[in-house]
């Protein structure tokens, strides 16, 4: 093979690699948009992103009513939190993050917790949590959230074994809200949409 043919083969190989990289990056960006890769940012019909106040969900054999929804954006990353009510009166929320993989976490408020974020590890309820990430996001809220319609939120997230999570969130100038979470298998969630969606 002469020098010009070697050059041509190398150029074609470089172009092929560049095309593959562009495709992979485009798919990742699409997955990071609100609603995943759906045009216009609309999540798939009936998926957990589409929950709205008035909908009902069943998680691990317990029924919840969606009372409010908070949509958060941090750079190219977005996620949704649905506030859930049940007969116990305890505050719950379902977070939906579908970056490269769908992640569902059921959170339960810990209003009596005296821990604060910032340390590399935190002990709570007999479990040790390790710091995972910290950031600040913009949000919009609908339904009964107790929040202004839009604003900013700061957070610190911690993780432990078995899919256990610990979160600290502060909306606007308020203090930290503490919640413990459990990673869900999507099969553990059943959505019961409002009448107009059926």
N, C-alpha and C. Protein backbone atom coordinates (compact mmCIF):
# COMPACT_ATOMS: atom_id res chain seq x y z
N UNK A 1 0.86 -1.19 0.00
CA UNK A 1 0.00 0.00 0.00
C UNK A 1 0.90 1.24 0.00
N UNK A 2 0.69 2.14 -1.01
CA UNK A 2 1.54 3.32 -1.07
C UNK A 2 1.11 4.36 -0.04
N UNK A 3 1.93 5.44 0.06
CA UNK A 3 1.69 6.46 1.10
C UNK A 3 0.36 7.15 0.96
N UNK A 4 -0.09 7.43 -0.28
CA UNK A 4 -1.37 8.15 -0.45
C UNK A 4 -2.54 7.27 -0.04
N UNK A 5 -2.45 5.97 -0.32
CA UNK A 5 -3.53 5.05 0.08
C UNK A 5 -3.58 4.92 1.60
N UNK A 6 -2.42 4.84 2.25
CA UNK A 6 -2.37 4.77 3.71
C UNK A 6 -2.99 6.02 4.32
N UNK A 7 -2.66 7.16 3.73
CA UNK A 7 -3.23 8.43 4.22
C UNK A 7 -4.74 8.43 4.07
N UNK A 8 -5.26 7.95 2.93
CA UNK A 8 -6.70 7.93 2.68
C UNK A 8 -7.41 7.02 3.68
N UNK A 9 -6.87 5.84 3.94
CA UNK A 9 -7.47 4.90 4.90
C UNK A 9 -7.49 5.51 6.30
N UNK A 10 -6.38 6.17 6.68
CA UNK A 10 -6.32 6.80 8.01
C UNK A 10 -7.34 7.93 8.12
N UNK A 11 -7.50 8.71 7.06
CA UNK A 11 -8.46 9.82 7.08
C UNK A 11 -9.88 9.31 7.23
N UNK A 12 -10.21 8.24 6.49
CA UNK A 12 -11.55 7.65 6.58
C UNK A 12 -11.80 7.12 7.99
N UNK A 13 -10.80 6.49 8.61
CA UNK A 13 -10.95 5.96 9.97
C UNK A 13 -11.19 7.09 10.96
N UNK A 14 -10.46 8.20 10.82
CA UNK A 14 -10.64 9.35 11.73
C UNK A 14 -12.03 9.92 11.58
N UNK A 15 -12.52 10.06 10.35
CA UNK A 15 -13.87 10.59 10.11
C UNK A 15 -14.92 9.67 10.71
N UNK A 16 -14.75 8.35 10.56
CA UNK A 16 -15.71 7.39 11.13
C UNK A 16 -15.77 7.50 12.64
N UNK A 17 -14.61 7.62 13.29
CA UNK A 17 -14.59 7.77 14.75
C UNK A 17 -15.27 9.06 15.16
N UNK A 18 -15.02 10.16 14.42
CA UNK A 18 -15.63 11.45 14.74
C UNK A 18 -17.15 11.36 14.64
N UNK A 19 -17.65 10.68 13.61
CA UNK A 19 -19.10 10.53 13.44
C UNK A 19 -19.70 9.75 14.61
N UNK A 20 -19.04 8.68 15.03
CA UNK A 20 -19.52 7.88 16.16
C UNK A 20 -19.57 8.72 17.43
N UNK A 21 -18.52 9.49 17.67
CA UNK A 21 -18.49 10.35 18.87
C UNK A 21 -19.63 11.35 18.83
N UNK A 22 -19.88 11.97 17.68
CA UNK A 22 -20.98 12.95 17.56
C UNK A 22 -22.31 12.30 17.84
N UNK A 23 -22.54 11.09 17.32
CA UNK A 23 -23.81 10.38 17.56
C UNK A 23 -23.99 10.08 19.04
N UNK A 24 -22.94 9.58 19.69
CA UNK A 24 -23.02 9.26 21.12
C UNK A 24 -23.33 10.51 21.93
N UNK A 25 -22.64 11.62 21.65
CA UNK A 25 -22.89 12.87 22.38
C UNK A 25 -24.30 13.38 22.15
N UNK A 26 -24.80 13.28 20.92
CA UNK A 26 -26.16 13.73 20.63
C UNK A 26 -27.19 12.92 21.40
N UNK A 27 -26.97 11.61 21.50
CA UNK A 27 -27.91 10.76 22.25
C UNK A 27 -27.88 11.09 23.73
N UNK A 28 -26.68 11.36 24.26
CA UNK A 28 -26.58 11.70 25.69
C UNK A 28 -27.28 13.02 25.98
N UNK A 29 -27.11 14.00 25.09
CA UNK A 29 -27.78 15.29 25.30
C UNK A 29 -29.29 15.14 25.24
N UNK A 30 -29.76 14.31 24.30
CA UNK A 30 -31.21 14.10 24.19
C UNK A 30 -31.75 13.45 25.45
N UNK A 31 -31.00 12.48 26.00
CA UNK A 31 -31.45 11.80 27.22
C UNK A 31 -31.44 12.73 28.42
N UNK A 32 -30.60 13.75 28.42
CA UNK A 32 -30.51 14.66 29.55
C UNK A 32 -31.57 15.75 29.51
N UNK A 33 -32.27 15.90 28.36
CA UNK A 33 -33.32 16.91 28.28
C UNK A 33 -34.49 16.53 29.15
N UNK A 34 -35.30 17.53 29.61
CA UNK A 34 -36.52 17.19 30.33
C UNK A 34 -37.36 16.27 29.46
N UNK A 35 -37.75 15.14 30.02
CA UNK A 35 -38.57 14.20 29.26
C UNK A 35 -37.76 13.26 28.40
N UNK A 36 -36.44 13.19 28.59
CA UNK A 36 -35.62 12.28 27.82
C UNK A 36 -35.49 12.73 26.39
N UNK A 37 -35.51 11.80 25.46
CA UNK A 37 -35.24 12.12 24.07
C UNK A 37 -36.50 12.50 23.31
N UNK A 38 -37.57 12.84 23.98
CA UNK A 38 -38.82 13.15 23.32
C UNK A 38 -38.77 14.58 22.80
N UNK A 39 -39.09 14.84 21.51
CA UNK A 39 -39.05 16.19 20.98
C UNK A 39 -39.94 17.13 21.77
N UNK A 40 -39.50 18.38 21.92
CA UNK A 40 -40.30 19.37 22.62
C UNK A 40 -40.24 19.24 24.12
N UNK A 41 -39.41 18.32 24.65
CA UNK A 41 -39.27 18.20 26.09
C UNK A 41 -40.45 17.53 26.77
N UNK A 42 -41.40 16.94 25.99
CA UNK A 42 -42.55 16.29 26.61
C UNK A 42 -42.21 14.85 26.94
N UNK A 43 -42.40 14.44 28.21
CA UNK A 43 -42.10 13.06 28.59
C UNK A 43 -43.07 12.08 27.93
N UNK A 44 -42.71 10.80 27.88
CA UNK A 44 -43.60 9.81 27.28
C UNK A 44 -44.94 9.78 28.00
N UNK A 45 -46.04 9.65 27.24
CA UNK A 45 -47.38 9.61 27.82
C UNK A 45 -47.47 8.49 28.85
N UNK A 46 -47.99 8.81 30.01
CA UNK A 46 -48.19 7.81 31.04
C UNK A 46 -46.98 7.50 31.88
N UNK A 47 -45.81 8.05 31.56
CA UNK A 47 -44.61 7.77 32.33
C UNK A 47 -44.60 8.57 33.62
N UNK A 48 -43.67 8.27 34.52
CA UNK A 48 -43.63 8.96 35.81
C UNK A 48 -43.38 10.46 35.70
N UNK A 49 -42.76 10.92 34.59
CA UNK A 49 -42.60 12.37 34.40
C UNK A 49 -43.94 13.07 34.22
N UNK A 50 -44.92 12.36 33.65
CA UNK A 50 -46.19 12.97 33.31
C UNK A 50 -47.17 13.01 34.47
N UNK A 51 -46.79 12.51 35.63
CA UNK A 51 -47.68 12.61 36.77
C UNK A 51 -48.01 14.07 37.04
N UNK A 52 -49.22 14.30 37.51
CA UNK A 52 -49.67 15.67 37.78
C UNK A 52 -50.58 15.65 39.00
N UNK A 53 -50.76 16.81 39.65
CA UNK A 53 -51.67 16.86 40.80
C UNK A 53 -53.02 16.24 40.46
N UNK A 54 -53.48 15.37 41.35
CA UNK A 54 -54.73 14.66 41.13
C UNK A 54 -54.53 13.21 40.71
N UNK A 55 -53.38 12.90 40.13
CA UNK A 55 -53.09 11.51 39.76
C UNK A 55 -52.85 10.69 41.02
N UNK A 56 -52.98 9.38 40.87
CA UNK A 56 -52.70 8.47 41.98
C UNK A 56 -51.65 7.46 41.54
N UNK A 57 -50.80 7.07 42.49
CA UNK A 57 -49.79 6.05 42.21
C UNK A 57 -49.82 5.00 43.31
N UNK A 58 -49.38 3.81 42.93
CA UNK A 58 -49.24 2.72 43.89
C UNK A 58 -47.77 2.34 43.92
N UNK A 59 -47.15 2.43 45.09
CA UNK A 59 -45.74 2.10 45.26
C UNK A 59 -45.62 1.10 46.40
N UNK A 60 -45.09 -0.07 46.08
CA UNK A 60 -44.90 -1.12 47.09
C UNK A 60 -46.18 -1.34 47.92
N UNK A 61 -47.27 -1.53 47.23
CA UNK A 61 -48.56 -1.86 47.85
C UNK A 61 -49.20 -0.72 48.64
N UNK A 62 -48.70 0.49 48.51
CA UNK A 62 -49.31 1.64 49.20
C UNK A 62 -49.77 2.66 48.17
N UNK A 63 -50.98 3.21 48.40
CA UNK A 63 -51.55 4.19 47.48
C UNK A 63 -51.17 5.61 47.90
N UNK A 64 -50.84 6.45 46.90
CA UNK A 64 -50.52 7.85 47.14
C UNK A 64 -51.28 8.72 46.14
N UNK A 65 -51.60 9.94 46.56
CA UNK A 65 -52.17 10.94 45.66
C UNK A 65 -51.10 11.98 45.39
N UNK A 66 -50.95 12.37 44.13
CA UNK A 66 -49.99 13.42 43.78
C UNK A 66 -50.61 14.77 44.12
N UNK A 67 -49.96 15.53 45.00
CA UNK A 67 -50.50 16.83 45.40
C UNK A 67 -49.77 17.99 44.74
N UNK A 68 -48.56 17.76 44.24
CA UNK A 68 -47.80 18.83 43.60
C UNK A 68 -46.62 18.26 42.84
N UNK A 69 -46.08 19.06 41.94
CA UNK A 69 -44.93 18.64 41.14
C UNK A 69 -43.91 19.76 41.07
N UNK A 70 -42.65 19.41 41.24
CA UNK A 70 -41.54 20.37 41.16
C UNK A 70 -40.61 19.88 40.06
N UNK A 71 -40.38 20.73 39.06
CA UNK A 71 -39.46 20.40 37.97
C UNK A 71 -38.18 21.21 38.17
N UNK A 72 -37.05 20.52 38.13
CA UNK A 72 -35.76 21.15 38.44
C UNK A 72 -34.81 21.03 37.26
N UNK A 73 -34.00 22.08 37.07
CA UNK A 73 -33.02 22.11 35.99
C UNK A 73 -31.70 22.63 36.54
N UNK A 74 -30.63 21.89 36.27
CA UNK A 74 -29.29 22.31 36.65
C UNK A 74 -28.37 22.07 35.44
N UNK A 75 -28.04 23.14 34.71
CA UNK A 75 -27.27 22.98 33.49
C UNK A 75 -28.05 22.17 32.47
N UNK A 76 -27.44 21.09 31.96
CA UNK A 76 -28.11 20.21 31.00
C UNK A 76 -28.90 19.09 31.67
N UNK A 77 -28.87 19.05 32.98
CA UNK A 77 -29.51 17.96 33.72
C UNK A 77 -30.85 18.44 34.26
N UNK A 78 -31.87 17.61 34.19
CA UNK A 78 -33.17 17.95 34.74
C UNK A 78 -33.78 16.73 35.41
N UNK A 79 -34.64 16.99 36.39
CA UNK A 79 -35.34 15.91 37.07
C UNK A 79 -36.65 16.47 37.63
N UNK A 80 -37.51 15.57 38.09
CA UNK A 80 -38.84 15.93 38.57
C UNK A 80 -39.05 15.33 39.95
N UNK A 81 -39.75 16.08 40.80
CA UNK A 81 -40.16 15.54 42.09
C UNK A 81 -41.67 15.71 42.23
N UNK A 82 -42.34 14.61 42.52
CA UNK A 82 -43.79 14.64 42.73
C UNK A 82 -44.06 14.49 44.23
N UNK A 83 -44.80 15.42 44.80
CA UNK A 83 -45.16 15.35 46.21
C UNK A 83 -46.34 14.40 46.36
N UNK A 84 -46.24 13.48 47.31
CA UNK A 84 -47.23 12.42 47.48
C UNK A 84 -47.89 12.49 48.84
N UNK A 85 -49.19 12.30 48.87
CA UNK A 85 -49.95 12.24 50.12
C UNK A 85 -50.51 10.84 50.30
N UNK A 86 -50.52 10.36 51.55
CA UNK A 86 -51.19 9.11 51.85
C UNK A 86 -51.95 9.27 53.16
N UNK A 87 -52.57 8.19 53.60
CA UNK A 87 -53.42 8.27 54.79
C UNK A 87 -52.63 8.55 56.07
N UNK A 88 -51.31 8.33 56.06
CA UNK A 88 -50.52 8.49 57.28
C UNK A 88 -50.24 9.95 57.63
N UNK A 89 -50.34 10.85 56.64
CA UNK A 89 -50.02 12.25 56.90
C UNK A 89 -48.53 12.56 56.81
N UNK A 90 -47.70 11.53 56.59
CA UNK A 90 -46.25 11.74 56.44
C UNK A 90 -45.96 12.28 55.05
N UNK A 91 -45.01 13.22 54.95
CA UNK A 91 -44.66 13.78 53.65
C UNK A 91 -43.75 12.83 52.87
N UNK A 92 -44.16 12.53 51.64
CA UNK A 92 -43.38 11.68 50.75
C UNK A 92 -43.19 12.42 49.43
N UNK A 93 -42.19 12.02 48.69
CA UNK A 93 -42.04 12.52 47.32
C UNK A 93 -41.38 11.45 46.47
N UNK A 94 -41.69 11.49 45.20
CA UNK A 94 -41.11 10.57 44.23
C UNK A 94 -40.23 11.39 43.30
N UNK A 95 -38.93 11.10 43.28
CA UNK A 95 -38.05 11.79 42.34
C UNK A 95 -37.85 10.92 41.11
N UNK A 96 -37.86 11.57 39.94
CA UNK A 96 -37.75 10.89 38.66
C UNK A 96 -36.59 11.54 37.90
N UNK A 97 -35.54 10.77 37.68
CA UNK A 97 -34.36 11.25 36.98
C UNK A 97 -34.08 10.28 35.85
N UNK A 98 -34.19 10.76 34.60
CA UNK A 98 -33.95 9.83 33.49
C UNK A 98 -32.81 10.31 32.62
N UNK A 99 -31.64 10.54 33.25
CA UNK A 99 -30.46 10.89 32.49
C UNK A 99 -30.15 9.79 31.49
N UNK A 100 -29.14 8.98 31.73
CA UNK A 100 -28.86 7.85 30.86
C UNK A 100 -29.69 6.64 31.24
N UNK A 101 -30.09 6.54 32.51
CA UNK A 101 -30.95 5.47 32.99
C UNK A 101 -32.03 6.09 33.87
N UNK A 102 -33.23 5.53 33.83
CA UNK A 102 -34.31 5.99 34.67
C UNK A 102 -34.00 5.65 36.13
N UNK A 103 -34.07 6.65 37.01
CA UNK A 103 -33.87 6.41 38.44
C UNK A 103 -35.06 6.97 39.19
N UNK A 104 -35.75 6.10 39.92
CA UNK A 104 -36.89 6.48 40.75
C UNK A 104 -36.51 6.30 42.21
N UNK A 105 -36.76 7.34 43.03
CA UNK A 105 -36.48 7.24 44.46
C UNK A 105 -37.72 7.71 45.21
N UNK A 106 -38.17 6.90 46.17
CA UNK A 106 -39.26 7.29 47.06
C UNK A 106 -38.65 7.87 48.33
N UNK A 107 -38.97 9.14 48.60
CA UNK A 107 -38.40 9.86 49.74
C UNK A 107 -39.44 10.01 50.84
N UNK A 108 -38.99 9.92 52.09
CA UNK A 108 -39.84 10.15 53.25
C UNK A 108 -39.18 11.23 54.10
N UNK A 109 -39.96 12.26 54.41
CA UNK A 109 -39.43 13.39 55.17
C UNK A 109 -38.99 12.96 56.56
N UNK A 110 -37.92 13.58 57.04
CA UNK A 110 -37.39 13.36 58.39
C UNK A 110 -37.36 14.71 59.11
N UNK A 111 -38.56 15.23 59.47
CA UNK A 111 -38.61 16.58 60.04
C UNK A 111 -37.91 16.72 61.38
N UNK A 112 -37.72 15.64 62.12
CA UNK A 112 -37.06 15.71 63.42
C UNK A 112 -35.56 15.53 63.37
N UNK A 113 -35.01 15.29 62.17
CA UNK A 113 -33.56 15.04 62.05
C UNK A 113 -32.77 16.29 62.42
N UNK A 114 -31.70 16.10 63.17
CA UNK A 114 -30.87 17.23 63.62
C UNK A 114 -29.55 17.31 62.85
N UNK A 115 -29.33 16.41 61.89
CA UNK A 115 -28.09 16.42 61.11
C UNK A 115 -28.13 17.54 60.08
N UNK A 116 -26.94 17.99 59.69
CA UNK A 116 -26.81 19.01 58.65
C UNK A 116 -25.82 18.51 57.60
N UNK A 117 -25.93 19.01 56.36
CA UNK A 117 -25.06 18.51 55.29
C UNK A 117 -23.67 19.12 55.34
N UNK A 118 -22.78 18.51 54.55
CA UNK A 118 -21.43 19.05 54.40
C UNK A 118 -20.34 18.05 54.73
N UNK A 119 -20.59 17.16 55.70
CA UNK A 119 -19.57 16.18 56.09
C UNK A 119 -19.45 15.10 55.02
N UNK A 120 -18.29 14.44 54.92
CA UNK A 120 -18.13 13.35 53.94
C UNK A 120 -19.06 12.17 54.21
N UNK A 121 -19.35 11.90 55.50
CA UNK A 121 -20.30 10.84 55.85
C UNK A 121 -21.24 11.37 56.93
N UNK A 122 -22.46 10.83 56.94
CA UNK A 122 -23.46 11.21 57.95
C UNK A 122 -24.12 9.93 58.45
N UNK A 123 -24.28 9.82 59.77
CA UNK A 123 -24.98 8.70 60.37
C UNK A 123 -26.39 9.12 60.75
N UNK A 124 -27.37 8.34 60.31
CA UNK A 124 -28.77 8.63 60.63
C UNK A 124 -29.55 7.33 60.63
N UNK A 125 -30.31 7.12 61.69
CA UNK A 125 -31.16 5.95 61.78
C UNK A 125 -30.41 4.63 61.72
N UNK A 126 -29.20 4.58 62.27
CA UNK A 126 -28.43 3.36 62.28
C UNK A 126 -27.74 3.03 60.96
N UNK A 127 -27.71 3.99 60.06
CA UNK A 127 -27.09 3.76 58.75
C UNK A 127 -26.09 4.88 58.47
N UNK A 128 -24.98 4.54 57.83
CA UNK A 128 -23.99 5.54 57.44
C UNK A 128 -24.15 5.87 55.96
N UNK A 129 -24.29 7.17 55.67
CA UNK A 129 -24.43 7.66 54.30
C UNK A 129 -23.15 8.39 53.88
N UNK A 130 -22.78 8.22 52.63
CA UNK A 130 -21.58 8.84 52.08
C UNK A 130 -21.97 9.91 51.05
N UNK A 131 -21.27 11.05 51.10
CA UNK A 131 -21.57 12.15 50.20
C UNK A 131 -21.50 11.69 48.75
N UNK A 132 -22.50 12.13 47.93
CA UNK A 132 -22.54 11.78 46.50
C UNK A 132 -22.44 13.01 45.61
N UNK A 133 -23.22 14.06 45.90
CA UNK A 133 -23.17 15.26 45.07
C UNK A 133 -23.81 16.44 45.76
N UNK A 134 -23.45 17.63 45.29
CA UNK A 134 -23.96 18.89 45.81
C UNK A 134 -24.21 19.81 44.63
N UNK A 135 -25.23 20.64 44.72
CA UNK A 135 -25.48 21.57 43.62
C UNK A 135 -26.59 22.54 43.91
N UNK A 136 -26.94 23.29 42.88
CA UNK A 136 -28.03 24.26 42.95
C UNK A 136 -28.80 24.22 41.65
N UNK A 137 -30.12 24.21 41.73
CA UNK A 137 -30.96 24.09 40.54
C UNK A 137 -32.03 25.18 40.54
N UNK A 138 -32.55 25.45 39.36
CA UNK A 138 -33.73 26.30 39.23
C UNK A 138 -34.96 25.38 39.22
N UNK A 139 -36.08 25.86 39.75
CA UNK A 139 -37.27 25.01 39.78
C UNK A 139 -38.51 25.79 39.37
N UNK A 140 -39.53 25.03 38.93
CA UNK A 140 -40.89 25.54 38.76
C UNK A 140 -41.79 24.56 39.50
N UNK A 141 -42.84 25.07 40.13
CA UNK A 141 -43.71 24.23 40.96
C UNK A 141 -45.16 24.45 40.59
N UNK A 142 -45.92 23.36 40.60
CA UNK A 142 -47.37 23.44 40.41
C UNK A 142 -48.04 22.58 41.47
N UNK A 143 -49.30 22.90 41.77
CA UNK A 143 -50.04 22.14 42.77
C UNK A 143 -49.72 22.62 44.17
N UNK A 144 -49.97 21.77 45.15
CA UNK A 144 -49.80 22.11 46.56
C UNK A 144 -48.38 21.75 47.01
N UNK A 145 -47.45 22.65 46.76
CA UNK A 145 -46.06 22.40 47.13
C UNK A 145 -45.63 23.27 48.31
N UNK A 146 -46.37 24.35 48.60
CA UNK A 146 -45.96 25.28 49.64
C UNK A 146 -44.81 26.17 49.21
N UNK A 147 -44.52 26.20 47.90
CA UNK A 147 -43.40 26.97 47.36
C UNK A 147 -43.90 28.03 46.40
N UNK A 148 -43.10 29.08 46.17
CA UNK A 148 -43.42 30.00 45.07
C UNK A 148 -43.43 29.23 43.75
N UNK A 149 -44.03 29.78 42.73
CA UNK A 149 -44.15 29.10 41.44
C UNK A 149 -42.80 28.83 40.79
N UNK A 150 -41.76 29.61 41.14
CA UNK A 150 -40.44 29.40 40.57
C UNK A 150 -39.40 29.94 41.54
N UNK A 151 -38.18 29.42 41.43
CA UNK A 151 -37.11 29.88 42.31
C UNK A 151 -35.88 29.01 42.16
N UNK A 152 -35.06 28.99 43.20
CA UNK A 152 -33.84 28.17 43.19
C UNK A 152 -33.84 27.23 44.39
N UNK A 153 -33.11 26.14 44.26
CA UNK A 153 -33.02 25.13 45.31
C UNK A 153 -31.57 24.66 45.41
N UNK A 154 -31.06 24.56 46.65
CA UNK A 154 -29.74 23.99 46.91
C UNK A 154 -29.93 22.58 47.44
N UNK A 155 -28.97 21.70 47.17
CA UNK A 155 -29.12 20.32 47.65
C UNK A 155 -27.76 19.69 47.95
N UNK A 156 -27.81 18.70 48.85
CA UNK A 156 -26.69 17.80 49.13
C UNK A 156 -27.29 16.40 49.14
N UNK A 157 -26.70 15.48 48.38
CA UNK A 157 -27.19 14.11 48.31
C UNK A 157 -26.14 13.14 48.84
N UNK A 158 -26.63 12.17 49.60
CA UNK A 158 -25.78 11.12 50.17
C UNK A 158 -26.36 9.77 49.80
N UNK A 159 -25.52 8.73 49.78
CA UNK A 159 -25.95 7.38 49.45
C UNK A 159 -25.41 6.37 50.44
N UNK A 160 -26.13 5.24 50.53
CA UNK A 160 -25.67 4.13 51.36
C UNK A 160 -25.97 2.84 50.60
N UNK A 161 -25.63 1.71 51.19
CA UNK A 161 -25.85 0.43 50.54
C UNK A 161 -27.32 0.10 50.36
N UNK A 162 -27.59 -0.82 49.45
CA UNK A 162 -28.96 -1.27 49.24
C UNK A 162 -29.88 -0.24 48.63
N UNK A 163 -29.33 0.75 47.93
CA UNK A 163 -30.16 1.77 47.29
C UNK A 163 -30.69 2.83 48.24
N UNK A 164 -30.15 2.91 49.45
CA UNK A 164 -30.60 3.91 50.42
C UNK A 164 -30.03 5.28 50.06
N UNK A 165 -30.82 6.32 50.26
CA UNK A 165 -30.43 7.68 49.94
C UNK A 165 -30.75 8.61 51.11
N UNK A 166 -30.04 9.74 51.16
CA UNK A 166 -30.30 10.79 52.14
C UNK A 166 -30.16 12.11 51.41
N UNK A 167 -31.16 12.99 51.55
CA UNK A 167 -31.08 14.27 50.85
C UNK A 167 -31.32 15.43 51.79
N UNK A 168 -30.67 16.54 51.46
CA UNK A 168 -30.87 17.82 52.12
C UNK A 168 -31.24 18.81 51.01
N UNK A 169 -32.38 19.47 51.15
CA UNK A 169 -32.81 20.45 50.16
C UNK A 169 -33.21 21.74 50.85
N UNK A 170 -32.87 22.87 50.24
CA UNK A 170 -33.27 24.17 50.76
C UNK A 170 -33.79 25.00 49.59
N UNK A 171 -35.07 25.35 49.64
CA UNK A 171 -35.69 26.14 48.58
C UNK A 171 -35.64 27.62 48.96
N UNK A 172 -35.13 28.44 48.05
CA UNK A 172 -35.02 29.87 48.34
C UNK A 172 -34.12 30.09 49.55
N UNK A 173 -34.63 30.85 50.52
CA UNK A 173 -33.85 31.17 51.72
C UNK A 173 -34.21 30.29 52.91
N UNK A 174 -35.06 29.28 52.70
CA UNK A 174 -35.48 28.44 53.83
C UNK A 174 -34.36 27.51 54.28
N UNK A 175 -34.57 26.88 55.45
CA UNK A 175 -33.58 25.94 55.98
C UNK A 175 -33.65 24.60 55.27
N UNK A 176 -32.79 23.68 55.74
CA UNK A 176 -32.69 22.38 55.10
C UNK A 176 -33.89 21.50 55.39
N UNK A 177 -34.41 20.85 54.36
CA UNK A 177 -35.40 19.79 54.49
C UNK A 177 -34.63 18.47 54.36
N UNK A 178 -34.81 17.58 55.32
CA UNK A 178 -34.09 16.31 55.33
C UNK A 178 -35.06 15.19 54.96
N UNK A 179 -34.61 14.27 54.12
CA UNK A 179 -35.45 13.13 53.75
C UNK A 179 -34.57 11.91 53.49
N UNK A 180 -35.10 10.75 53.85
CA UNK A 180 -34.43 9.49 53.52
C UNK A 180 -35.15 8.86 52.34
N UNK A 181 -34.38 8.24 51.45
CA UNK A 181 -34.97 7.67 50.24
C UNK A 181 -34.60 6.23 50.00
N UNK A 182 -35.43 5.58 49.19
CA UNK A 182 -35.19 4.20 48.76
C UNK A 182 -35.29 4.15 47.25
N UNK A 183 -34.25 3.60 46.61
CA UNK A 183 -34.25 3.42 45.17
C UNK A 183 -35.32 2.40 44.80
N UNK A 184 -36.13 2.73 43.79
CA UNK A 184 -37.22 1.85 43.38
C UNK A 184 -36.90 1.16 42.07
N UNK A 185 -37.41 -0.05 41.94
CA UNK A 185 -37.47 -0.70 40.64
C UNK A 185 -38.71 -0.13 39.94
N UNK A 186 -38.62 0.28 38.66
CA UNK A 186 -39.81 0.81 37.98
C UNK A 186 -41.02 -0.10 38.08
N UNK A 187 -40.82 -1.40 38.21
CA UNK A 187 -41.94 -2.33 38.32
C UNK A 187 -42.70 -2.15 39.62
N UNK A 188 -42.10 -1.47 40.61
CA UNK A 188 -42.78 -1.25 41.90
C UNK A 188 -43.73 -0.06 41.84
N UNK A 189 -43.80 0.63 40.71
CA UNK A 189 -44.63 1.82 40.56
C UNK A 189 -45.75 1.57 39.57
N UNK A 190 -46.98 1.79 40.00
CA UNK A 190 -48.14 1.70 39.11
C UNK A 190 -48.81 3.07 39.10
N UNK A 191 -49.04 3.61 37.91
CA UNK A 191 -49.63 4.94 37.77
C UNK A 191 -51.11 4.81 37.46
N UNK A 192 -51.91 5.61 38.20
CA UNK A 192 -53.35 5.66 37.96
C UNK A 192 -53.67 7.10 37.55
N UNK A 193 -53.68 7.40 36.23
CA UNK A 193 -53.85 8.78 35.80
C UNK A 193 -55.25 9.31 36.05
N UNK A 194 -55.38 10.65 35.93
CA UNK A 194 -56.69 11.30 36.11
C UNK A 194 -57.60 10.88 34.98
N UNK A 195 -58.91 11.15 35.17
CA UNK A 195 -59.92 10.68 34.21
C UNK A 195 -59.66 11.18 32.79
N UNK A 196 -59.20 12.45 32.63
CA UNK A 196 -59.00 12.98 31.29
C UNK A 196 -57.84 12.33 30.55
N UNK A 197 -56.94 11.63 31.28
CA UNK A 197 -55.80 10.96 30.65
C UNK A 197 -56.15 9.55 30.21
N UNK A 198 -57.29 9.02 30.73
CA UNK A 198 -57.61 7.62 30.47
C UNK A 198 -58.18 7.44 29.08
